[in-house]
Amino acid sequence: MDDWTPELRQEAAAEFGRCLEARAAQAGTLQGDDGWPAPDMSLAESYALAPPPWPGNLFPGDWGDFIAQSAEARGCPPDFVGLGLLAAIASRLGNARWGSPWPGWREPPVIWCAVVGLPSAGKSGGLDEAADALATIEAGCNEDWTERQRDYRTQRQAAKERRLAWEQDVAEAVRRGLAPPTEPEGAQEPEPPARRRIFSTDPTIEKAGRLSAENPRGMLLLRDELAGWIGGMDRYGSGNGADRAFWLQAYGGRPWVPDRVKDGAAGVTVAHLAWAILGGIQPDRAASLMLAGDDDGLAARFLYAWPAARKPTRPSKPPPAGRLTDALQRIEALPWEPPEPVVLPFTPAAAAMMQDWREEAARIEGEASGLLLSWIGKLPGFALRLAVVSAHLDWLARPDGTPPPSAVDADAVARACGFLSDYALPMARRLFGEAALPEAERDARRLARWYLRQRPRPTALNAKALRRMAHGPGIGNSSRIEAALTELEAGGWCRPAPARAGDQAGRPRKDWAMHPALRSAGP
């Protein structure tokens, strides 16, 4: 039932209501002999809004067809492939190309994307399209790895010999009372080569900083499950939020200059810390990890895709082989001298559209609250970043040899704003909907849906027994289950059961009797 679309859920809830009405008509009342109230069946419905359709028409050239064909081949919704495409392109543009509508406002095209769905939703398959292309590019960047290691060993040995000769000259000069010679160039051991990297799956912030220093173009964090990344933050530190602070800064392309005593003179300096993020997460984990606790802006920086589950179909034709890999290689070839980015100006028409979008975002802010309000506050920045990516997608849809964009035009801004208004904003409202509810109500809805799936349905529930069940509702601990049952009691689903005869002395077992009508009627 968790895989049902909102339309199927509504039909099921309506059918269940008709069953209850029929039972009431037959028995004369829904309350029964013990005075049960009518249960609130809305607790079994999904609180989430219906997902918007994937806007494939907003992708220039053949990219819309590429997304659709790749999704069909990998057995997943196009949303997952599409967000992977955006994150991959954005990560390789990185610090090489930024955008600026007008002086004083410039941002990197860093995009964070989270694909949301149950384990069977096809998240991994959708992300693999981007992951496979990135792995191919990274392997190609290191084809000279053996040669670079050989050069390093040669230079290291040469430096050793120069230093040895210099030390002998110094010793001879001191023995003769002469001024010692200056250390010659090339007498210091060279830095060992580092493999060129474009993505990582599980770096500590210290390693992520070094990767950024060694790869100034930018990096991509690629996680099959974002829950592990978020849950593992600060596991190596003192729990003071340093990990979250690092990743929040990695979104903006700002300088990163950590000073650690242990680093000595070998500290890391990153002119522009830029990490794109791409990963999957389950809806309940998104609620408990990304959308719970204090609002520090982490959840507000993501674009989300939580499409309705769909049945895999046999592909009608294969996607173009190597299409994304070829595109990423063209981006890698863009001329750029680190560390400062090439900043693309917006045309006058594009800048005017950006101002209109800022005003529209301010209007939408007035209708929002909570985490959604924070997310809406990022809409202008989202538009700028997506416009830079869109301009390059348009270029990548054209033949090789076409000059890369030297400015961001109005068409790119229009596509970016259309994607945000038609897809990203409705999707954020969908994700933040049920997740924004109090934990007890979220758990109550989850428990209600689990209960209706059981055959036969239990006459009573017990929090400790539910927590130990192999295929239970999946709620973290007994106290949360008790709170959920209390919520269901307020909705007329259950009530505390009297103590059972023969219970041992001490703390009594707390069972919850379920509504008789729920046990015997409805789907």
Protein backbone atom coordinates (compact mmCIF):
# COMPACT_ATOMS: atom_id res chain seq x y z
CA MET A 1 0.00 0.00 0.00
CA ASP A 2 2.99 2.32 0.54
CA ASP A 3 3.59 2.07 -3.21
CA TRP A 4 0.08 3.27 -4.10
CA THR A 5 -0.37 6.58 -5.83
CA PRO A 6 -2.37 9.30 -4.03
CA GLU A 7 -5.28 8.60 -6.39
CA LEU A 8 -5.34 4.90 -5.39
CA ARG A 9 -5.12 5.88 -1.72
CA GLN A 10 -8.11 8.19 -2.09
CA GLU A 11 -10.10 5.49 -3.88
CA ALA A 12 -9.20 2.97 -1.18
CA ALA A 13 -10.15 5.39 1.59
CA ALA A 14 -13.46 6.12 -0.13
CA GLU A 15 -14.17 2.41 -0.56
CA PHE A 16 -13.34 1.80 3.09
CA GLY A 17 -15.70 4.58 4.07
CA ARG A 18 -18.47 2.98 2.02
CA CYS A 19 -17.82 -0.34 3.78
CA LEU A 20 -18.10 1.33 7.16
CA GLU A 21 -21.30 3.11 6.13
CA ALA A 22 -22.76 -0.17 4.96
CA ARG A 23 -21.83 -1.80 8.27
CA ALA A 24 -23.40 1.11 10.14
CA ALA A 25 -26.58 0.85 8.10
CA GLN A 26 -26.77 -2.87 8.81
CA ALA A 27 -26.01 -2.65 12.52
CA GLY A 28 -27.70 0.68 13.11
CA THR A 29 -24.58 2.31 14.52
CA LEU A 30 -20.81 2.34 14.12
CA GLN A 31 -20.21 2.66 17.81
CA GLY A 32 -21.05 -0.88 18.80
CA ASP A 33 -21.96 -2.21 22.22
CA ASP A 34 -19.02 -0.55 23.96
CA GLY A 35 -19.62 2.93 22.57
CA TRP A 36 -16.75 3.13 20.08
CA PRO A 37 -16.60 6.42 18.15
CA ALA A 38 -16.42 6.37 14.36
CA PRO A 39 -12.71 6.12 13.38
CA ASP A 40 -11.07 8.98 11.52
CA MET A 41 -10.10 7.24 8.28
CA SER A 42 -8.07 10.22 7.07
CA LEU A 43 -5.28 8.96 9.34
CA ALA A 44 -4.73 6.11 6.87
CA GLU A 45 -4.38 8.42 3.89
CA SER A 46 -1.11 9.82 2.67
CA TYR A 47 -0.72 13.43 3.74
CA ALA A 48 1.57 14.12 0.80
CA LEU A 49 0.36 16.03 -2.21
CA ALA A 50 0.28 14.35 -5.60
CA PRO A 51 3.65 14.58 -7.38
CA PRO A 52 3.99 16.92 -10.35
CA PRO A 53 4.80 15.35 -13.74
CA TRP A 54 8.41 15.35 -14.84
CA PRO A 55 8.97 18.43 -17.08
CA GLY A 56 10.96 16.77 -19.84
CA ASN A 57 9.96 19.56 -22.24
CA LEU A 58 12.09 22.03 -20.27
CA PHE A 59 15.32 20.25 -21.23
CA PRO A 60 16.82 21.59 -24.46
CA GLY A 61 17.73 19.55 -27.52
CA ASP A 62 17.69 15.79 -27.11
CA TRP A 63 18.08 15.82 -23.33
CA GLY A 64 14.38 15.28 -22.66
CA ASP A 65 14.40 12.13 -24.82
CA PHE A 66 17.66 10.98 -23.24
CA ILE A 67 16.14 11.21 -19.74
CA ALA A 68 12.97 9.37 -20.76
CA GLN A 69 14.82 6.57 -22.58
CA SER A 70 17.40 6.11 -19.83
CA ALA A 71 14.68 5.96 -17.16
CA GLU A 72 12.76 3.36 -19.17
CA ALA A 73 15.91 1.25 -19.63
CA ARG A 74 16.78 1.42 -15.92
CA GLY A 75 13.23 0.80 -14.70
CA CYS A 76 12.78 4.03 -12.77
CA PRO A 77 10.87 7.31 -13.05
CA PRO A 78 12.49 9.96 -15.27
CA ASP A 79 12.78 12.22 -12.23
CA PHE A 80 15.67 10.15 -10.86
CA VAL A 81 17.67 10.23 -14.08
CA GLY A 82 16.88 13.93 -14.60
CA LEU A 83 18.13 15.06 -11.21
CA GLY A 84 21.22 12.91 -11.66
CA LEU A 85 21.88 14.64 -14.97
CA LEU A 86 21.58 18.10 -13.39
CA ALA A 87 23.90 17.22 -10.49
CA ALA A 88 26.52 15.62 -12.76
CA ILE A 89 26.63 18.57 -15.19
CA ALA A 90 26.69 21.06 -12.31
CA SER A 91 29.54 19.26 -10.56
CA ARG A 92 31.77 19.37 -13.62
CA LEU A 93 31.04 23.01 -14.32
CA GLY A 94 31.89 23.64 -10.69
CA ASN A 95 34.36 26.46 -10.31
CA ALA A 96 35.08 26.59 -14.03
CA ARG A 97 31.89 28.53 -14.83
CA TRP A 98 29.85 30.68 -12.46
CA GLY A 99 26.90 32.93 -13.22
CA SER A 100 26.26 36.59 -12.39
CA PRO A 101 23.03 38.45 -13.28
CA TRP A 102 24.62 41.74 -12.17
CA PRO A 103 27.66 42.95 -10.22
CA GLY A 104 27.49 41.91 -6.57
CA TRP A 105 25.60 38.68 -7.15
CA ARG A 106 27.44 35.64 -8.43
CA GLU A 107 27.13 31.96 -7.55
CA PRO A 108 28.60 28.63 -8.63
CA PRO A 109 26.33 26.15 -10.42
CA VAL A 110 26.51 23.80 -7.42
CA ILE A 111 23.30 21.78 -7.11
CA TRP A 112 22.26 19.37 -4.37
CA CYS A 113 19.74 16.73 -5.46
CA ALA A 114 17.90 14.12 -3.38
CA VAL A 115 15.78 11.41 -5.00
CA VAL A 116 13.14 10.13 -2.59
CA GLY A 117 11.35 6.81 -2.66
CA LEU A 118 10.89 3.41 -1.08
CA PRO A 119 13.59 0.74 -1.58
CA SER A 120 11.73 -0.62 -4.61
CA ALA A 121 11.31 2.77 -6.29
CA GLY A 122 14.38 2.45 -8.53
CA LYS A 123 16.48 5.17 -6.92
CA SER A 124 19.78 3.33 -7.37
CA GLY A 125 19.08 2.54 -11.02
CA GLY A 126 18.27 6.16 -11.76
CA LEU A 127 21.41 7.44 -10.03
CA ASP A 128 23.58 4.88 -11.84
CA GLU A 129 23.20 6.81 -15.10
CA ALA A 130 25.18 9.70 -13.63
CA ALA A 131 27.43 7.49 -11.49
CA ASP A 132 28.56 5.36 -14.44
CA ALA A 133 29.40 8.42 -16.56
CA LEU A 134 31.31 10.08 -13.72
CA ALA A 135 33.30 6.91 -13.03
CA THR A 136 34.25 6.72 -16.70
CA ILE A 137 35.41 10.35 -16.72
CA GLU A 138 37.42 9.90 -13.52
CA ALA A 139 39.13 6.80 -14.92
CA GLY A 140 40.04 8.74 -18.06
CA CYS A 141 41.53 11.55 -16.00
CA ASN A 142 43.97 9.06 -14.48
CA GLU A 143 45.19 7.24 -17.57
CA ASP A 144 48.62 8.78 -16.95
CA TRP A 145 48.71 7.66 -13.30
CA THR A 146 51.54 5.15 -13.79
CA GLU A 147 53.60 7.71 -15.68
CA ARG A 148 53.05 10.37 -13.01
CA GLN A 149 54.15 7.96 -10.29
CA ARG A 150 57.31 7.15 -12.26
CA ASP A 151 58.08 10.86 -12.69
CA TYR A 152 57.56 11.41 -8.97
CA ARG A 153 59.99 8.65 -8.03
CA THR A 154 62.56 10.07 -10.45
CA GLN A 155 62.20 13.60 -9.08
CA ARG A 156 62.29 12.34 -5.49
CA GLN A 157 65.56 10.48 -6.10
CA ALA A 158 67.04 13.49 -7.92
CA ALA A 159 66.07 15.74 -5.00
CA LYS A 160 67.69 13.29 -2.60
CA GLU A 161 70.96 13.39 -4.54
CA ARG A 162 70.91 17.21 -4.78
CA ARG A 163 70.31 17.48 -1.06
CA LEU A 164 73.07 15.01 -0.27
CA ALA A 165 75.54 16.96 -2.46
CA TRP A 166 74.48 20.25 -0.88
CA GLU A 167 74.84 18.87 2.65
CA GLN A 168 78.37 17.76 1.78
CA ASP A 169 79.16 21.24 0.42
CA VAL A 170 77.79 22.82 3.61
CA ALA A 171 79.90 20.52 5.76
CA GLU A 172 83.04 21.34 3.74
CA ALA A 173 82.36 25.09 3.92
CA VAL A 174 81.86 24.98 7.68
CA ARG A 175 85.05 22.92 8.08
CA ARG A 176 87.00 25.52 6.11
CA GLY A 177 85.35 28.49 7.84
CA LEU A 178 83.59 29.66 4.68
CA ALA A 179 79.99 30.84 4.20
CA PRO A 180 77.78 27.79 3.58
CA PRO A 181 76.14 27.57 0.14
CA THR A 182 72.40 28.24 -0.20
CA GLU A 183 70.16 25.25 -0.60
CA PRO A 184 69.74 24.69 -4.34
CA GLU A 185 66.40 24.46 -6.09
CA GLY A 186 65.09 20.95 -6.43
CA ALA A 187 66.67 19.70 -3.20
CA GLN A 188 63.33 19.40 -1.40
CA GLU A 189 61.38 16.17 -1.79
CA PRO A 190 58.46 16.81 -4.16
CA GLU A 191 54.84 16.30 -3.20
CA PRO A 192 53.62 12.85 -4.19
CA PRO A 193 51.08 12.82 -7.01
CA ALA A 194 47.39 12.54 -6.19
CA ARG A 195 44.85 10.71 -8.29
CA ARG A 196 42.56 13.15 -10.05
CA ARG A 197 39.11 12.88 -8.52
CA ILE A 198 35.67 14.15 -9.46
CA PHE A 199 33.45 12.34 -6.93
CA SER A 200 33.57 10.62 -3.55
CA THR A 201 31.06 8.50 -1.66
CA ASP A 202 32.04 8.84 2.01
CA PRO A 203 34.77 11.41 2.82
CA THR A 204 35.46 12.92 6.20
CA ILE A 205 35.48 16.70 6.12
CA GLU A 206 39.28 16.68 6.45
CA LYS A 207 39.58 14.40 3.42
CA ALA A 208 36.91 16.36 1.54
CA GLY A 209 38.90 19.54 2.11
CA ARG A 210 42.06 17.93 0.75
CA LEU A 211 40.17 16.57 -2.24
CA SER A 212 38.95 20.08 -2.97
CA ALA A 213 42.47 21.47 -2.69
CA GLU A 214 43.79 18.81 -5.08
CA ASN A 215 40.82 19.13 -7.47
CA PRO A 216 39.95 22.85 -7.52
CA ARG A 217 37.32 22.47 -10.26
CA GLY A 218 34.91 20.96 -7.74
CA MET A 219 33.66 17.61 -6.49
CA LEU A 220 30.46 15.58 -6.25
CA LEU A 221 29.32 13.68 -3.17
CA LEU A 222 27.54 10.59 -4.49
CA ARG A 223 25.55 8.57 -1.94
CA ASP A 224 23.19 5.72 -2.67
CA GLU A 225 21.61 6.50 0.72
CA LEU A 226 21.89 10.05 2.03
CA ALA A 227 20.63 8.84 5.40
CA GLY A 228 24.06 7.35 6.15
CA TRP A 229 25.79 10.60 5.26
CA ILE A 230 23.50 12.74 7.42
CA GLY A 231 23.40 10.27 10.30
CA GLY A 232 27.18 9.95 10.30
CA MET A 233 27.94 13.66 10.52
CA ASP A 234 30.35 14.55 13.34
CA ARG A 235 31.03 10.88 14.10
CA TYR A 236 34.77 11.61 14.15
CA GLY A 237 34.53 14.93 15.93
CA SER A 238 33.13 16.30 19.13
CA GLY A 239 29.59 16.53 17.83
CA ASN A 240 29.76 20.34 17.62
CA GLY A 241 28.29 20.55 14.11
CA ALA A 242 31.59 21.01 12.25
CA ASP A 243 30.55 18.55 9.54
CA ARG A 244 27.30 20.34 8.81
CA ALA A 245 29.09 23.69 8.76
CA PHE A 246 31.59 22.34 6.22
CA TRP A 247 28.91 21.02 3.88
CA LEU A 248 26.82 24.18 4.15
CA GLN A 249 29.88 26.16 3.09
CA ALA A 250 30.58 23.69 0.27
CA TYR A 251 27.29 24.77 -1.30
CA GLY A 252 28.38 28.36 -1.81
CA GLY A 253 31.85 28.06 -3.34
CA ARG A 254 33.37 30.22 -0.61
CA PRO A 255 36.97 29.98 0.68
CA TRP A 256 37.82 27.19 3.11
CA VAL A 257 40.91 27.81 5.23
CA PRO A 258 40.84 25.56 8.31
CA ASP A 259 43.62 26.08 10.86
CA ARG A 260 44.54 22.96 12.81
CA VAL A 261 47.55 22.64 15.09
CA LYS A 262 48.11 19.09 13.88
CA ASP A 263 48.49 20.29 10.28
CA GLY A 264 51.41 22.59 11.03
CA ALA A 265 52.60 24.33 7.87
CA ALA A 266 50.88 21.72 5.69
CA GLY A 267 47.39 23.11 6.16
CA VAL A 268 44.77 23.04 3.43
CA THR A 269 43.66 26.18 1.63
CA VAL A 270 40.73 26.01 -0.77
CA ALA A 271 39.95 29.14 -2.74
CA HIS A 272 36.42 28.04 -3.63
CA LEU A 273 34.93 25.08 -1.77
CA ALA A 274 32.38 23.58 -4.18
CA TRP A 275 30.68 20.19 -3.75
CA ALA A 276 27.56 19.12 -5.60
CA ILE A 277 25.54 16.35 -3.92
CA LEU A 278 23.48 13.53 -5.41
CA GLY A 279 21.86 10.73 -3.44
CA GLY A 280 18.75 8.81 -2.52
CA ILE A 281 16.70 8.61 0.65
CA GLN A 282 13.49 6.96 1.83
CA PRO A 283 10.54 9.21 2.73
CA ASP A 284 10.53 8.31 6.42
CA ARG A 285 14.28 8.82 6.70
CA ALA A 286 13.95 12.18 4.97
CA ALA A 287 11.38 13.14 7.60
CA SER A 288 13.42 11.98 10.59
CA LEU A 289 16.88 13.11 9.42
CA MET A 290 16.59 15.94 6.89
CA LEU A 291 13.38 17.60 7.99
CA ALA A 292 13.57 17.16 11.77
CA GLY A 293 15.35 19.23 14.39
CA ASP A 294 16.65 22.76 14.04
CA ASP A 295 16.49 24.42 10.65
CA ASP A 296 20.15 25.02 9.80
CA GLY A 297 19.51 25.31 6.06
CA LEU A 298 20.69 21.82 5.07
CA ALA A 299 17.29 20.61 3.83
CA ALA A 300 16.62 23.97 2.16
CA ARG A 301 19.57 23.52 -0.20
CA PHE A 302 18.26 20.38 -1.91
CA LEU A 303 16.14 19.91 -5.00
CA TYR A 304 13.87 16.89 -4.43
CA ALA A 305 12.28 14.25 -6.59
CA TRP A 306 9.61 12.07 -4.96
CA PRO A 307 7.58 10.70 -7.86
CA ALA A 308 4.80 8.16 -7.61
CA ALA A 309 5.94 4.56 -7.85
CA ARG A 310 5.51 3.06 -11.27
CA LYS A 311 5.61 -0.41 -12.70
CA PRO A 312 8.80 -1.10 -14.68
CA THR A 313 8.22 -1.58 -18.38
CA ARG A 314 10.36 -3.23 -20.99
CA PRO A 315 12.26 -0.49 -22.86
CA SER A 316 11.15 0.19 -26.40
CA LYS A 317 14.67 1.23 -27.45
CA PRO A 318 18.02 1.66 -25.71
CA PRO A 319 19.22 5.11 -24.68
CA PRO A 320 22.06 6.68 -26.65
CA ALA A 321 25.24 4.94 -25.46
CA GLY A 322 27.78 7.25 -23.87
CA ARG A 323 25.64 10.38 -24.28
CA LEU A 324 26.25 11.73 -20.79
CA THR A 325 29.90 10.65 -20.78
CA ASP A 326 30.54 12.56 -24.01
CA ALA A 327 28.85 15.64 -22.57
CA LEU A 328 30.93 15.55 -19.41
CA GLN A 329 34.11 15.22 -21.45
CA ARG A 330 33.19 18.36 -23.38
CA ILE A 331 32.73 20.22 -20.10
CA GLU A 332 36.08 18.95 -18.82
CA ALA A 333 37.70 20.44 -21.94
CA LEU A 334 36.38 23.96 -21.25
CA PRO A 335 39.34 26.34 -20.88
CA TRP A 336 39.89 27.41 -17.28
CA GLU A 337 42.82 28.49 -15.12
CA PRO A 338 42.28 27.75 -11.43
CA PRO A 339 41.49 28.90 -8.89
CA GLU A 340 39.24 31.81 -9.93
CA PRO A 341 36.08 30.96 -11.91
CA VAL A 342 35.09 32.24 -15.31
CA VAL A 343 31.99 34.29 -14.48
CA LEU A 344 29.30 34.30 -17.17
CA PRO A 345 27.20 37.48 -17.28
CA PHE A 346 23.46 37.35 -17.88
CA THR A 347 22.08 39.14 -20.91
CA PRO A 348 19.89 42.18 -20.11
CA ALA A 349 16.72 40.18 -20.84
CA ALA A 350 17.94 37.30 -18.67
CA ALA A 351 18.79 39.66 -15.81
CA ALA A 352 15.32 41.23 -16.03
CA MET A 353 13.74 37.77 -15.81
CA MET A 354 15.86 37.00 -12.75
CA GLN A 355 14.55 40.13 -11.02
CA ASP A 356 10.97 39.12 -11.86
CA TRP A 357 11.67 35.69 -10.39
CA ARG A 358 13.09 37.22 -7.19
CA GLU A 359 9.89 39.21 -6.77
CA GLU A 360 7.78 36.12 -7.40
CA ALA A 361 9.79 34.17 -4.82
CA ALA A 362 9.20 36.94 -2.27
CA ARG A 363 5.47 36.71 -2.95
CA ILE A 364 5.48 32.92 -2.48
CA GLU A 365 7.42 33.33 0.78
CA GLY A 366 4.49 35.22 2.25
CA GLU A 367 2.31 32.11 1.89
CA ALA A 368 4.75 29.62 3.47
CA SER A 369 6.09 28.73 6.89
CA GLY A 370 8.56 26.39 8.58
CA LEU A 371 11.05 24.43 6.51
CA LEU A 372 9.23 25.18 3.29
CA LEU A 373 9.76 28.89 3.95
CA SER A 374 13.51 28.30 4.21
CA TRP A 375 13.48 26.29 0.99
CA ILE A 376 11.55 29.00 -0.87
CA GLY A 377 14.16 31.51 0.28
CA LYS A 378 16.65 29.62 -1.92
CA LEU A 379 14.57 29.99 -5.09
CA PRO A 380 16.54 32.94 -6.54
CA GLY A 381 19.82 31.08 -6.05
CA PHE A 382 18.32 27.88 -7.47
CA ALA A 383 17.28 29.82 -10.56
CA LEU A 384 20.74 31.30 -11.09
CA ARG A 385 22.48 27.93 -10.74
CA LEU A 386 19.99 26.07 -12.92
CA ALA A 387 20.19 28.78 -15.57
CA VAL A 388 23.97 28.28 -15.86
CA VAL A 389 23.45 24.51 -16.13
CA SER A 390 20.63 24.98 -18.67
CA ALA A 391 22.77 27.24 -20.84
CA HIS A 392 25.41 24.53 -21.01
CA LEU A 393 22.86 21.77 -21.63
CA ASP A 394 21.74 23.77 -24.65
CA TRP A 395 25.36 24.00 -25.80
CA LEU A 396 25.89 20.27 -25.19
CA ALA A 397 22.85 19.49 -27.36
CA ARG A 398 24.60 21.17 -30.30
CA PRO A 399 27.33 19.61 -32.49
CA ASP A 400 30.94 19.43 -31.37
CA GLY A 401 32.78 22.58 -32.33
CA THR A 402 29.94 24.88 -31.29
CA PRO A 403 31.42 27.65 -29.10
CA PRO A 404 30.50 27.31 -25.41
CA PRO A 405 28.18 29.94 -23.93
CA SER A 406 29.81 33.26 -23.11
CA ALA A 407 26.67 34.55 -21.36
CA VAL A 408 23.45 33.18 -19.89
CA ASP A 409 20.48 34.10 -22.07
CA ALA A 410 16.78 34.53 -21.36
CA ASP A 411 15.88 31.07 -22.70
CA ALA A 412 18.11 29.43 -20.09
CA VAL A 413 16.56 31.52 -17.31
CA ALA A 414 13.04 30.74 -18.56
CA ARG A 415 13.77 27.00 -18.50
CA ALA A 416 15.25 27.26 -15.01
CA CYS A 417 12.31 29.24 -13.59
CA GLY A 418 9.84 26.93 -15.33
CA PHE A 419 11.50 23.90 -13.77
CA LEU A 420 11.32 25.49 -10.32
CA SER A 421 7.71 26.69 -10.55
CA ASP A 422 6.23 23.67 -12.36
CA TYR A 423 8.22 20.90 -10.71
CA ALA A 424 10.64 21.71 -7.89
CA LEU A 425 8.25 23.86 -5.83
CA PRO A 426 5.29 21.41 -5.99
CA MET A 427 7.72 18.58 -5.19
CA ALA A 428 9.06 20.44 -2.15
CA ARG A 429 5.50 21.03 -0.95
CA ARG A 430 4.86 17.31 -1.38
CA LEU A 431 7.95 16.29 0.60
CA PHE A 432 7.60 18.86 3.36
CA GLY A 433 3.89 18.09 3.75
CA GLU A 434 3.73 14.96 5.92
CA ALA A 435 7.30 15.43 7.11
CA ALA A 436 6.30 18.79 8.60
CA LEU A 437 3.76 17.09 10.86
CA PRO A 438 4.67 16.37 14.50
CA GLU A 439 6.52 13.07 14.92
CA ALA A 440 3.64 11.41 16.79
CA GLU A 441 1.18 12.20 13.99
CA ARG A 442 3.61 10.98 11.31
CA ASP A 443 4.09 7.75 13.23
CA ALA A 444 0.32 7.39 13.76
CA ARG A 445 -0.31 7.62 10.02
CA ARG A 446 2.42 5.09 9.34
CA LEU A 447 1.01 2.70 11.95
CA ALA A 448 -2.51 3.12 10.59
CA ARG A 449 -1.43 2.20 7.06
CA TRP A 450 0.54 -0.77 8.38
CA TYR A 451 -2.47 -2.00 10.37
CA LEU A 452 -4.80 -1.94 7.37
CA ARG A 453 -2.35 -4.10 5.41
CA GLN A 454 -2.41 -6.93 7.96
CA ARG A 455 -4.31 -10.17 7.29
CA PRO A 456 -5.89 -10.95 9.68
CA ARG A 457 -5.89 -7.67 11.55
CA PRO A 458 -4.95 -7.99 15.23
CA THR A 459 -7.61 -7.33 17.84
CA ALA A 460 -5.03 -5.54 19.99
CA LEU A 461 -1.60 -3.97 19.61
CA ASN A 462 1.31 -3.68 22.01
CA ALA A 463 4.14 -1.19 21.54
CA LYS A 464 6.96 -3.48 22.67
CA ALA A 465 5.68 -6.34 20.54
CA LEU A 466 5.40 -4.07 17.50
CA ARG A 467 8.96 -2.85 17.95
CA ARG A 468 10.27 -6.43 17.99
CA MET A 469 8.30 -7.58 14.94
CA ALA A 470 10.38 -8.48 11.88
CA HIS A 471 7.82 -6.89 9.56
CA GLY A 472 6.31 -4.36 11.91
CA PRO A 473 5.53 -0.71 11.16
CA GLY A 474 9.22 0.23 11.37
CA ILE A 475 8.86 2.93 14.04
CA GLY A 476 12.07 3.43 15.99
CA ASN A 477 11.23 2.63 19.61
CA SER A 478 8.43 1.70 22.00
CA SER A 479 7.88 5.22 23.31
CA ARG A 480 7.27 6.51 19.79
CA ILE A 481 4.84 3.66 19.12
CA GLU A 482 3.01 4.49 22.35
CA ALA A 483 2.74 8.12 21.24
CA ALA A 484 1.43 6.98 17.86
CA LEU A 485 -1.18 4.77 19.50
CA THR A 486 -2.23 7.72 21.64
CA GLU A 487 -2.74 9.72 18.43
CA LEU A 488 -4.77 6.87 16.96
CA GLU A 489 -6.85 6.77 20.14
CA ALA A 490 -7.72 10.43 19.59
CA GLY A 491 -8.78 9.46 16.07
CA GLY A 492 -11.07 6.70 17.32
CA TRP A 493 -8.90 3.81 16.10
CA CYS A 494 -8.04 2.23 19.44
CA ARG A 495 -8.20 2.56 23.21
CA PRO A 496 -6.27 1.10 26.13
CA ALA A 497 -7.37 -2.46 26.79
CA PRO A 498 -8.16 -3.60 30.34
CA ALA A 499 -5.53 -5.68 32.09
CA ARG A 500 -5.71 -9.34 31.15
CA ALA A 501 -6.57 -12.00 33.70
CA GLY A 502 -3.48 -13.81 34.95
CA ASP A 503 -1.08 -10.89 34.39
CA GLN A 504 1.82 -11.07 36.82
CA ALA A 505 2.29 -8.53 39.56
CA GLY A 506 4.45 -5.54 38.69
CA ARG A 507 4.23 -3.26 35.74
CA PRO A 508 1.15 -4.35 33.76
CA ARG A 509 1.31 -5.09 30.04
CA LYS A 510 -0.21 -2.19 28.10
CA ASP A 511 -2.31 -3.37 25.19
CA TRP A 512 -4.42 -1.26 22.89
CA ALA A 513 -7.72 -2.69 21.69
CA MET A 514 -8.46 -1.90 18.07
CA HIS A 515 -11.82 -0.63 16.80
CA PRO A 516 -14.07 -3.62 15.99
CA ALA A 517 -15.13 -2.08 12.67
CA LEU A 518 -11.48 -1.73 11.63
CA ARG A 519 -10.84 -5.38 12.41
CA SER A 520 -13.57 -6.74 10.19
CA ALA A 521 -14.50 -4.27 7.45
CA GLY A 522 -12.87 -2.49 4.56
CA PRO A 523 -9.76 -3.07 2.46
